[in-house]
Amino acid sequence: MSNLILAIDFDGTIVDDKHPEVGEIKPGAKEAINQLVKDGYTIIIWTCRTGKPLLMAIEWLAKTGIKYHHINQSCPINV
């Protein structure tokens, strides 16, 4: 189990950059992120999206089955 926290950019990293729309998923993105979660990493989805484009990304992540812990927010660090 890891205690590492990773922030992963949404547009251009998880999906092709088509802002404000959601682009096509990058090959292997879902599998890699879900494996990191399975391995115990805390995943933060990081994006400059706000308002409706942010909601579109959140809905897309849920529909696609990409697991994460936070979006656009830090998480407490237990030292």
PDB file of N, CA and C in Angstrom:
ATOM      1  N   MET A   1       0.847  -1.179   0.000  1.00  0.00           N
ATOM      2  CA  MET A   1       0.000   0.000   0.000  1.00  0.00           C
ATOM      3  C   MET A   1       0.886   1.234   0.000  1.00  0.00           C
ATOM      4  N   SER A   2       0.579   2.169  -0.852  1.00  0.00           N
ATOM      5  CA  SER A   2       1.362   3.385  -0.976  1.00  0.00           C
ATOM      6  C   SER A   2       0.668   4.526  -0.246  1.00  0.00           C
ATOM      7  N   ASN A   3       1.431   5.537   0.147  1.00  0.00           N
ATOM      8  CA  ASN A   3       0.831   6.736   0.711  1.00  0.00           C
ATOM      9  C   ASN A   3       1.135   7.929  -0.185  1.00  0.00           C
ATOM     10  N   LEU A   4       1.438   7.669  -1.439  1.00  0.00           N
ATOM     11  CA  LEU A   4       1.741   8.729  -2.387  1.00  0.00           C
ATOM     12  C   LEU A   4       0.470   9.366  -2.922  1.00  0.00           C
ATOM     13  N   ILE A   5       0.563  10.659  -3.166  1.00  0.00           N
ATOM     14  CA  ILE A   5      -0.541  11.418  -3.728  1.00  0.00           C
ATOM     15  C   ILE A   5      -0.104  11.895  -5.103  1.00  0.00           C
ATOM     16  N   LEU A   6      -0.910  11.610  -6.120  1.00  0.00           N
ATOM     17  CA  LEU A   6      -0.603  12.017  -7.486  1.00  0.00           C
ATOM     18  C   LEU A   6      -1.711  12.918  -8.010  1.00  0.00           C
ATOM     19  N   ALA A   7      -1.329  14.044  -8.576  1.00  0.00           N
ATOM     20  CA  ALA A   7      -2.275  14.911  -9.273  1.00  0.00           C
ATOM     21  C   ALA A   7      -2.082  14.685 -10.767  1.00  0.00           C
ATOM     22  N   ILE A   8      -3.171  14.397 -11.455  1.00  0.00           N
ATOM     23  CA  ILE A   8      -3.115  14.082 -12.881  1.00  0.00           C
ATOM     24  C   ILE A   8      -3.990  15.075 -13.627  1.00  0.00           C
ATOM     25  N   ASP A   9      -3.411  15.767 -14.587  1.00  0.00           N
ATOM     26  CA  ASP A   9      -4.141  16.744 -15.392  1.00  0.00           C
ATOM     27  C   ASP A   9      -5.187  16.035 -16.245  1.00  0.00           C
ATOM     28  N   PHE A  10      -6.309  16.693 -16.447  1.00  0.00           N
ATOM     29  CA  PHE A  10      -7.397  16.096 -17.217  1.00  0.00           C
ATOM     30  C   PHE A  10      -7.199  16.316 -18.717  1.00  0.00           C
ATOM     31  N   ASP A  11      -7.336  17.563 -19.180  1.00  0.00           N
ATOM     32  CA  ASP A  11      -7.239  17.872 -20.610  1.00  0.00           C
ATOM     33  C   ASP A  11      -5.795  17.752 -21.087  1.00  0.00           C
ATOM     34  N   GLY A  12      -5.590  16.932 -22.085  1.00  0.00           N
ATOM     35  CA  GLY A  12      -4.267  16.756 -22.651  1.00  0.00           C
ATOM     36  C   GLY A  12      -3.485  15.609 -22.039  1.00  0.00           C
ATOM     37  N   THR A  13      -3.956  15.080 -20.906  1.00  0.00           N
ATOM     38  CA  THR A  13      -3.272  13.957 -20.257  1.00  0.00           C
ATOM     39  C   THR A  13      -4.173  12.731 -20.211  1.00  0.00           C
ATOM     40  N   ILE A  14      -5.369  12.894 -19.638  1.00  0.00           N
ATOM     41  CA  ILE A  14      -6.331  11.788 -19.598  1.00  0.00           C
ATOM     42  C   ILE A  14      -7.107  11.730 -20.915  1.00  0.00           C
ATOM     43  N   VAL A  15      -7.455  12.899 -21.427  1.00  0.00           N
ATOM     44  CA  VAL A  15      -8.192  13.003 -22.694  1.00  0.00           C
ATOM     45  C   VAL A  15      -7.472  13.978 -23.617  1.00  0.00           C
ATOM     46  N   ASP A  16      -7.750  13.864 -24.916  1.00  0.00           N
ATOM     47  CA  ASP A  16      -7.250  14.855 -25.871  1.00  0.00           C
ATOM     48  C   ASP A  16      -7.825  16.215 -25.496  1.00  0.00           C
ATOM     49  N   ASP A  17      -7.055  17.269 -25.704  1.00  0.00           N
ATOM     50  CA  ASP A  17      -7.488  18.616 -25.337  1.00  0.00           C
ATOM     51  C   ASP A  17      -8.489  19.146 -26.360  1.00  0.00           C
ATOM     52  N   LYS A  18      -9.750  19.191 -25.963  1.00  0.00           N
ATOM     53  CA  LYS A  18     -10.833  19.713 -26.798  1.00  0.00           C
ATOM     54  C   LYS A  18     -11.684  20.716 -26.001  1.00  0.00           C
ATOM     55  N   HIS A  19     -11.099  21.260 -24.931  1.00  0.00           N
ATOM     56  CA  HIS A  19     -11.820  22.169 -24.022  1.00  0.00           C
ATOM     57  C   HIS A  19     -12.609  23.193 -24.813  1.00  0.00           C
ATOM     58  N   PRO A  20     -13.870  23.467 -24.509  1.00  0.00           N
ATOM     59  CA  PRO A  20     -14.586  23.062 -23.303  1.00  0.00           C
ATOM     60  C   PRO A  20     -15.242  21.685 -23.405  1.00  0.00           C
ATOM     61  N   GLU A  21     -15.223  21.073 -24.597  1.00  0.00           N
ATOM     62  CA  GLU A  21     -15.745  19.711 -24.722  1.00  0.00           C
ATOM     63  C   GLU A  21     -14.746  18.736 -24.100  1.00  0.00           C
ATOM     64  N   VAL A  22     -15.179  17.500 -23.902  1.00  0.00           N
ATOM     65  CA  VAL A  22     -14.282  16.458 -23.406  1.00  0.00           C
ATOM     66  C   VAL A  22     -13.781  15.675 -24.612  1.00  0.00           C
ATOM     67  N   GLY A  23     -12.457  15.634 -24.775  1.00  0.00           N
ATOM     68  CA  GLY A  23     -11.858  14.936 -25.907  1.00  0.00           C
ATOM     69  C   GLY A  23     -11.889  13.428 -25.737  1.00  0.00           C
ATOM     70  N   GLU A  24     -11.305  12.748 -26.707  1.00  0.00           N
ATOM     71  CA  GLU A  24     -11.206  11.285 -26.667  1.00  0.00           C
ATOM     72  C   GLU A  24     -10.211  10.869 -25.590  1.00  0.00           C
ATOM     73  N   ILE A  25     -10.494   9.749 -24.944  1.00  0.00           N
ATOM     74  CA  ILE A  25      -9.602   9.240 -23.901  1.00  0.00           C
ATOM     75  C   ILE A  25      -8.260   8.846 -24.522  1.00  0.00           C
ATOM     76  N   LYS A  26      -7.191   9.135 -23.804  1.00  0.00           N
ATOM     77  CA  LYS A  26      -5.843   8.751 -24.233  1.00  0.00           C
ATOM     78  C   LYS A  26      -5.673   7.247 -24.001  1.00  0.00           C
ATOM     79  N   PRO A  27      -5.019   6.560 -24.923  1.00  0.00           N
ATOM     80  CA  PRO A  27      -4.822   5.109 -24.772  1.00  0.00           C
ATOM     81  C   PRO A  27      -4.135   4.777 -23.437  1.00  0.00           C
ATOM     82  N   GLY A  28      -4.726   3.851 -22.708  1.00  0.00           N
ATOM     83  CA  GLY A  28      -4.152   3.358 -21.460  1.00  0.00           C
ATOM     84  C   GLY A  28      -4.418   4.218 -20.237  1.00  0.00           C
ATOM     85  N   ALA A  29      -5.060   5.378 -20.412  1.00  0.00           N
ATOM     86  CA  ALA A  29      -5.265   6.289 -19.279  1.00  0.00           C
ATOM     87  C   ALA A  29      -6.132   5.648 -18.185  1.00  0.00           C
ATOM     88  N   LYS A  30      -7.261   5.096 -18.564  1.00  0.00           N
ATOM     89  CA  LYS A  30      -8.162   4.496 -17.575  1.00  0.00           C
ATOM     90  C   LYS A  30      -7.471   3.359 -16.840  1.00  0.00           C
ATOM     91  N   GLU A  31      -6.834   2.492 -17.558  1.00  0.00           N
ATOM     92  CA  GLU A  31      -6.189   1.331 -16.944  1.00  0.00           C
ATOM     93  C   GLU A  31      -5.076   1.764 -15.987  1.00  0.00           C
ATOM     94  N   ALA A  32      -4.283   2.741 -16.409  1.00  0.00           N
ATOM     95  CA  ALA A  32      -3.169   3.205 -15.573  1.00  0.00           C
ATOM     96  C   ALA A  32      -3.672   3.867 -14.290  1.00  0.00           C
ATOM     97  N   ILE A  33      -4.657   4.747 -14.417  1.00  0.00           N
ATOM     98  CA  ILE A  33      -5.172   5.453 -13.232  1.00  0.00           C
ATOM     99  C   ILE A  33      -5.849   4.476 -12.286  1.00  0.00           C
ATOM    100  N   ASN A  34      -6.678   3.602 -12.811  1.00  0.00           N
ATOM    101  CA  ASN A  34      -7.363   2.640 -11.945  1.00  0.00           C
ATOM    102  C   ASN A  34      -6.374   1.691 -11.265  1.00  0.00           C
ATOM    103  N   GLN A  35      -5.273   1.354 -11.937  1.00  0.00           N
ATOM    104  CA  GLN A  35      -4.248   0.516 -11.301  1.00  0.00           C
ATOM    105  C   GLN A  35      -3.562   1.283 -10.167  1.00  0.00           C
ATOM    106  N   LEU A  36      -3.299   2.561 -10.369  1.00  0.00           N
ATOM    107  CA  LEU A  36      -2.701   3.372  -9.303  1.00  0.00           C
ATOM    108  C   LEU A  36      -3.608   3.411  -8.070  1.00  0.00           C
ATOM    109  N   VAL A  37      -4.917   3.587  -8.294  1.00  0.00           N
ATOM    110  CA  VAL A  37      -5.868   3.569  -7.171  1.00  0.00           C
ATOM    111  C   VAL A  37      -5.822   2.207  -6.485  1.00  0.00           C
ATOM    112  N   LYS A  38      -5.840   1.139  -7.268  1.00  0.00           N
ATOM    113  CA  LYS A  38      -5.789  -0.221  -6.721  1.00  0.00           C
ATOM    114  C   LYS A  38      -4.514  -0.442  -5.907  1.00  0.00           C
ATOM    115  N   ASP A  39      -3.422   0.165  -6.344  1.00  0.00           N
ATOM    116  CA  ASP A  39      -2.138   0.038  -5.656  1.00  0.00           C
ATOM    117  C   ASP A  39      -2.039   0.931  -4.417  1.00  0.00           C
ATOM    118  N   GLY A  40      -3.078   1.709  -4.131  1.00  0.00           N
ATOM    119  CA  GLY A  40      -3.119   2.500  -2.908  1.00  0.00           C
ATOM    120  C   GLY A  40      -2.753   3.961  -3.047  1.00  0.00           C
ATOM    121  N   TYR A  41      -2.530   4.415  -4.263  1.00  0.00           N
ATOM    122  CA  TYR A  41      -2.227   5.834  -4.464  1.00  0.00           C
ATOM    123  C   TYR A  41      -3.487   6.667  -4.288  1.00  0.00           C
ATOM    124  N   THR A  42      -3.331   7.867  -3.772  1.00  0.00           N
ATOM    125  CA  THR A  42      -4.418   8.839  -3.731  1.00  0.00           C
ATOM    126  C   THR A  42      -4.320   9.663  -5.006  1.00  0.00           C
ATOM    127  N   ILE A  43      -5.409   9.696  -5.763  1.00  0.00           N
ATOM    128  CA  ILE A  43      -5.410  10.355  -7.057  1.00  0.00           C
ATOM    129  C   ILE A  43      -6.255  11.625  -6.996  1.00  0.00           C
ATOM    130  N   ILE A  44      -5.639  12.726  -7.429  1.00  0.00           N
ATOM    131  CA  ILE A  44      -6.341  14.003  -7.577  1.00  0.00           C
ATOM    132  C   ILE A  44      -6.404  14.292  -9.074  1.00  0.00           C
ATOM    133  N   ILE A  45      -7.603  14.504  -9.591  1.00  0.00           N
ATOM    134  CA  ILE A  45      -7.753  14.949 -10.973  1.00  0.00           C
ATOM    135  C   ILE A  45      -7.636  16.469 -10.942  1.00  0.00           C
ATOM    136  N   TRP A  46      -6.679  16.988 -11.692  1.00  0.00           N
ATOM    137  CA  TRP A  46      -6.397  18.418 -11.671  1.00  0.00           C
ATOM    138  C   TRP A  46      -6.777  19.020 -13.016  1.00  0.00           C
ATOM    139  N   THR A  47      -7.539  20.116 -12.979  1.00  0.00           N
ATOM    140  CA  THR A  47      -7.987  20.739 -14.210  1.00  0.00           C
ATOM    141  C   THR A  47      -8.269  22.216 -13.979  1.00  0.00           C
ATOM    142  N   CYS A  48      -8.143  22.990 -15.031  1.00  0.00           N
ATOM    143  CA  CYS A  48      -8.498  24.417 -14.972  1.00  0.00           C
ATOM    144  C   CYS A  48      -9.980  24.621 -15.260  1.00  0.00           C
ATOM    145  N   ARG A  49     -10.699  23.540 -15.507  1.00  0.00           N
ATOM    146  CA  ARG A  49     -12.130  23.634 -15.799  1.00  0.00           C
ATOM    147  C   ARG A  49     -12.900  24.153 -14.584  1.00  0.00           C
ATOM    148  N   THR A  50     -13.912  24.952 -14.848  1.00  0.00           N
ATOM    149  CA  THR A  50     -14.838  25.420 -13.820  1.00  0.00           C
ATOM    150  C   THR A  50     -16.245  25.378 -14.405  1.00  0.00           C
ATOM    151  N   GLY A  51     -17.234  25.531 -13.543  1.00  0.00           N
ATOM    152  CA  GLY A  51     -18.616  25.605 -14.013  1.00  0.00           C
ATOM    153  C   GLY A  51     -19.040  24.380 -14.803  1.00  0.00           C
ATOM    154  N   LYS A  52     -19.780  24.636 -15.900  1.00  0.00           N
ATOM    155  CA  LYS A  52     -20.315  23.542 -16.712  1.00  0.00           C
ATOM    156  C   LYS A  52     -19.222  22.636 -17.288  1.00  0.00           C
ATOM    157  N   PRO A  53     -18.100  23.177 -17.804  1.00  0.00           N
ATOM    158  CA  PRO A  53     -17.055  22.271 -18.300  1.00  0.00           C
ATOM    159  C   PRO A  53     -16.506  21.339 -17.211  1.00  0.00           C
ATOM    160  N   LEU A  54     -16.427  21.814 -15.974  1.00  0.00           N
ATOM    161  CA  LEU A  54     -15.979  20.940 -14.873  1.00  0.00           C
ATOM    162  C   LEU A  54     -17.001  19.844 -14.629  1.00  0.00           C
ATOM    163  N   LEU A  55     -18.279  20.207 -14.615  1.00  0.00           N
ATOM    164  CA  LEU A  55     -19.328  19.190 -14.430  1.00  0.00           C
ATOM    165  C   LEU A  55     -19.298  18.164 -15.558  1.00  0.00           C
ATOM    166  N   MET A  56     -19.018  18.612 -16.778  1.00  0.00           N
ATOM    167  CA  MET A  56     -18.907  17.682 -17.912  1.00  0.00           C
ATOM    168  C   MET A  56     -17.775  16.689 -17.672  1.00  0.00           C
ATOM    169  N   ALA A  57     -16.651  17.161 -17.151  1.00  0.00           N
ATOM    170  CA  ALA A  57     -15.513  16.275 -16.880  1.00  0.00           C
ATOM    171  C   ALA A  57     -15.846  15.278 -15.775  1.00  0.00           C
ATOM    172  N   ILE A  58     -16.490  15.751 -14.707  1.00  0.00           N
ATOM    173  CA  ILE A  58     -16.870  14.876 -13.592  1.00  0.00           C
ATOM    174  C   ILE A  58     -17.823  13.787 -14.079  1.00  0.00           C
ATOM    175  N   GLU A  59     -18.814  14.176 -14.872  1.00  0.00           N
ATOM    176  CA  GLU A  59     -19.768  13.195 -15.412  1.00  0.00           C
ATOM    177  C   GLU A  59     -19.053  12.205 -16.329  1.00  0.00           C
ATOM    178  N   TRP A  60     -18.123  12.698 -17.139  1.00  0.00           N
ATOM    179  CA  TRP A  60     -17.378  11.828 -18.048  1.00  0.00           C
ATOM    180  C   TRP A  60     -16.549  10.820 -17.264  1.00  0.00           C
ATOM    181  N   LEU A  61     -15.868  11.267 -16.207  1.00  0.00           N
ATOM    182  CA  LEU A  61     -15.068  10.366 -15.379  1.00  0.00           C
ATOM    183  C   LEU A  61     -15.941   9.262 -14.772  1.00  0.00           C
ATOM    184  N   ALA A  62     -17.120   9.634 -14.273  1.00  0.00           N
ATOM    185  CA  ALA A  62     -18.028   8.648 -13.679  1.00  0.00           C
ATOM    186  C   ALA A  62     -18.498   7.648 -14.738  1.00  0.00           C
ATOM    187  N   LYS A  63     -18.897   8.159 -15.901  1.00  0.00           N
ATOM    188  CA  LYS A  63     -19.392   7.291 -16.977  1.00  0.00           C
ATOM    189  C   LYS A  63     -18.300   6.357 -17.489  1.00  0.00           C
ATOM    190  N   THR A  64     -17.076   6.854 -17.530  1.00  0.00           N
ATOM    191  CA  THR A  64     -15.963   6.082 -18.061  1.00  0.00           C
ATOM    192  C   THR A  64     -15.414   5.076 -17.053  1.00  0.00           C
ATOM    193  N   GLY A  65     -15.690   5.306 -15.771  1.00  0.00           N
ATOM    194  CA  GLY A  65     -15.226   4.377 -14.742  1.00  0.00           C
ATOM    195  C   GLY A  65     -13.807   4.633 -14.278  1.00  0.00           C
ATOM    196  N   ILE A  66     -13.327   5.857 -14.478  1.00  0.00           N
ATOM    197  CA  ILE A  66     -12.003   6.208 -13.971  1.00  0.00           C
ATOM    198  C   ILE A  66     -12.145   6.585 -12.506  1.00  0.00           C
ATOM    199  N   LYS A  67     -11.362   5.922 -11.670  1.00  0.00           N
ATOM    200  CA  LYS A  67     -11.451   6.124 -10.225  1.00  0.00           C
ATOM    201  C   LYS A  67     -10.496   7.233  -9.786  1.00  0.00           C
ATOM    202  N   TYR A  68     -10.920   8.005  -8.810  1.00  0.00           N
ATOM    203  CA  TYR A  68     -10.088   9.064  -8.241  1.00  0.00           C
ATOM    204  C   TYR A  68     -10.645   9.417  -6.869  1.00  0.00           C
ATOM    205  N   HIS A  69      -9.885  10.188  -6.109  1.00  0.00           N
ATOM    206  CA  HIS A  69     -10.297  10.555  -4.760  1.00  0.00           C
ATOM    207  C   HIS A  69     -10.771  11.995  -4.651  1.00  0.00           C
ATOM    208  N   HIS A  70     -10.132  12.890  -5.392  1.00  0.00           N
ATOM    209  CA  HIS A  70     -10.463  14.310  -5.327  1.00  0.00           C
ATOM    210  C   HIS A  70     -10.365  14.895  -6.726  1.00  0.00           C
ATOM    211  N   ILE A  71     -11.058  16.008  -6.926  1.00  0.00           N
ATOM    212  CA  ILE A  71     -10.893  16.748  -8.167  1.00  0.00           C
ATOM    213  C   ILE A  71     -10.721  18.217  -7.807  1.00  0.00           C
ATOM    214  N   ASN A  72      -9.630  18.788  -8.252  1.00  0.00           N
ATOM    215  CA  ASN A  72      -9.305  20.192  -8.011  1.00  0.00           C
ATOM    216  C   ASN A  72      -9.240  20.577  -6.550  1.00  0.00           C
ATOM    217  N   GLN A  73      -8.823  19.671  -5.699  1.00  0.00           N
ATOM    218  CA  GLN A  73      -8.630  20.028  -4.301  1.00  0.00           C
ATOM    219  C   GLN A  73      -7.530  19.169  -3.711  1.00  0.00           C
ATOM    220  N   SER A  74      -6.807  19.772  -2.797  1.00  0.00           N
ATOM    221  CA  SER A  74      -5.767  19.030  -2.096  1.00  0.00           C
ATOM    222  C   SER A  74      -6.410  18.092  -1.102  1.00  0.00           C
ATOM    223  N   CYS A  75      -5.649  17.165  -0.605  1.00  0.00           N
ATOM    224  CA  CYS A  75      -6.162  16.251   0.404  1.00  0.00           C
ATOM    225  C   CYS A  75      -5.229  16.284   1.596  1.00  0.00           C
ATOM    226  N   PRO A  76      -5.745  15.958   2.772  1.00  0.00           N
ATOM    227  CA  PRO A  76      -4.899  15.996   3.970  1.00  0.00           C
ATOM    228  C   PRO A  76      -3.754  15.000   3.866  1.00  0.00           C
ATOM    229  N   ILE A  77      -2.626  15.401   4.371  1.00  0.00           N
ATOM    230  CA  ILE A  77      -1.443  14.523   4.389  1.00  0.00           C
ATOM    231  C   ILE A  77      -1.228  14.045   5.812  1.00  0.00           C
ATOM    232  N   ASN A  78      -1.218  12.741   5.992  1.00  0.00           N
ATOM    233  CA  ASN A  78      -0.944  12.153   7.302  1.00  0.00           C
ATOM    234  C   ASN A  78       0.539  11.825   7.386  1.00  0.00           C
ATOM    235  N   VAL A  79       1.238  12.527   8.237  1.00  0.00           N
ATOM    236  CA  VAL A  79       2.679  12.319   8.354  1.00  0.00           C
ATOM    237  C   VAL A  79       2.974  11.438   9.544  1.00  0.00           C
TER     238      VAL A  79
END
